[in-house]
Amino acid sequence: MASQENLIKLQCTKCKRINYFTRKNKKTNEKKIELKKYCRWCKLHTAHKETKK
């Protein structure tokens, strides 16, 4: 089971929409995550950064 405090949102850096939710261990990873993911609105693979809750 995924606990709610480990969930983070990933936001497209181009269109600023929140497209993905993922989990992160906040004790081991203190920096913000940046992943290249597919954005269905931009129709491209763009960088997605972790956003605030």
C-alpha atoms as a PDB file:
ATOM      1  CA  MET A   1       0.000   0.000   0.000  1.00  0.00           C
ATOM      2  CA  ALA A   2       1.201   3.480  -0.856  1.00  0.00           C
ATOM      3  CA  SER A   3       1.028   5.926   1.993  1.00  0.00           C
ATOM      4  CA  GLN A   4      -0.180   9.402   1.122  1.00  0.00           C
ATOM      5  CA  GLU A   5       2.839  11.216   2.554  1.00  0.00           C
ATOM      6  CA  ASN A   6       5.160   9.495   0.067  1.00  0.00           C
ATOM      7  CA  LEU A   7       3.153  10.557  -3.004  1.00  0.00           C
ATOM      8  CA  ILE A   8       4.520  13.429  -5.101  1.00  0.00           C
ATOM      9  CA  LYS A   9       3.194  15.218  -8.186  1.00  0.00           C
ATOM     10  CA  LEU A  10       5.157  15.592 -11.414  1.00  0.00           C
ATOM     11  CA  GLN A  11       4.457  18.731 -13.446  1.00  0.00           C
ATOM     12  CA  CYS A  12       5.371  19.323 -17.093  1.00  0.00           C
ATOM     13  CA  THR A  13       7.931  22.117 -17.412  1.00  0.00           C
ATOM     14  CA  LYS A  14       6.506  23.232 -20.763  1.00  0.00           C
ATOM     15  CA  CYS A  15       2.720  23.428 -20.271  1.00  0.00           C
ATOM     16  CA  LYS A  16       2.748  23.373 -16.403  1.00  0.00           C
ATOM     17  CA  ARG A  17       0.115  20.624 -16.116  1.00  0.00           C
ATOM     18  CA  ILE A  18       0.312  17.909 -13.462  1.00  0.00           C
ATOM     19  CA  ASN A  19       0.425  14.650 -15.412  1.00  0.00           C
ATOM     20  CA  TYR A  20       1.917  12.028 -13.111  1.00  0.00           C
ATOM     21  CA  PHE A  21       1.901  10.911  -9.477  1.00  0.00           C
ATOM     22  CA  THR A  22       4.723   8.817  -8.073  1.00  0.00           C
ATOM     23  CA  ARG A  23       6.292   7.804  -4.767  1.00  0.00           C
ATOM     24  CA  LYS A  24       9.547   8.986  -3.252  1.00  0.00           C
ATOM     25  CA  ASN A  25      11.464   8.048  -0.131  1.00  0.00           C
ATOM     26  CA  LYS A  26      11.970  11.486   1.418  1.00  0.00           C
ATOM     27  CA  LYS A  27      14.567  10.230   3.916  1.00  0.00           C
ATOM     28  CA  THR A  28      17.023   9.062   1.259  1.00  0.00           C
ATOM     29  CA  ASN A  29      16.160  11.527  -1.553  1.00  0.00           C
ATOM     30  CA  GLU A  30      16.084  15.113  -0.345  1.00  0.00           C
ATOM     31  CA  LYS A  31      16.417  16.793  -3.750  1.00  0.00           C
ATOM     32  CA  LYS A  32      13.491  17.336  -6.090  1.00  0.00           C
ATOM     33  CA  ILE A  33      12.993  14.708  -8.783  1.00  0.00           C
ATOM     34  CA  GLU A  34      13.139  15.579 -12.484  1.00  0.00           C
ATOM     35  CA  LEU A  35      12.170  12.885 -14.999  1.00  0.00           C
ATOM     36  CA  LYS A  36      11.627  12.881 -18.742  1.00  0.00           C
ATOM     37  CA  LYS A  37       8.052  11.713 -19.282  1.00  0.00           C
ATOM     38  CA  TYR A  38       5.448  11.904 -22.045  1.00  0.00           C
ATOM     39  CA  CYS A  39       3.038  14.854 -21.854  1.00  0.00           C
ATOM     40  CA  ARG A  40      -0.217  14.152 -23.631  1.00  0.00           C
ATOM     41  CA  TRP A  41      -1.038  17.849 -24.040  1.00  0.00           C
ATOM     42  CA  CYS A  42       2.329  18.834 -25.530  1.00  0.00           C
ATOM     43  CA  LYS A  43       2.498  15.464 -27.361  1.00  0.00           C
ATOM     44  CA  LEU A  44       6.228  15.314 -26.585  1.00  0.00           C
ATOM     45  CA  HIS A  45       8.605  13.791 -24.087  1.00  0.00           C
ATOM     46  CA  THR A  46       9.392  16.710 -21.772  1.00  0.00           C
ATOM     47  CA  ALA A  47      11.026  17.188 -18.405  1.00  0.00           C
ATOM     48  CA  HIS A  48       8.637  16.749 -15.475  1.00  0.00           C
ATOM     49  CA  LYS A  49       9.632  18.229 -12.116  1.00  0.00           C
ATOM     50  CA  GLU A  50       8.376  17.510  -8.627  1.00  0.00           C
ATOM     51  CA  THR A  51       5.917  20.136  -7.386  1.00  0.00           C
ATOM     52  CA  LYS A  52       4.673  21.271  -3.994  1.00  0.00           C
ATOM     53  CA  LYS A  53       1.637  19.585  -2.471  1.00  0.00           C
END
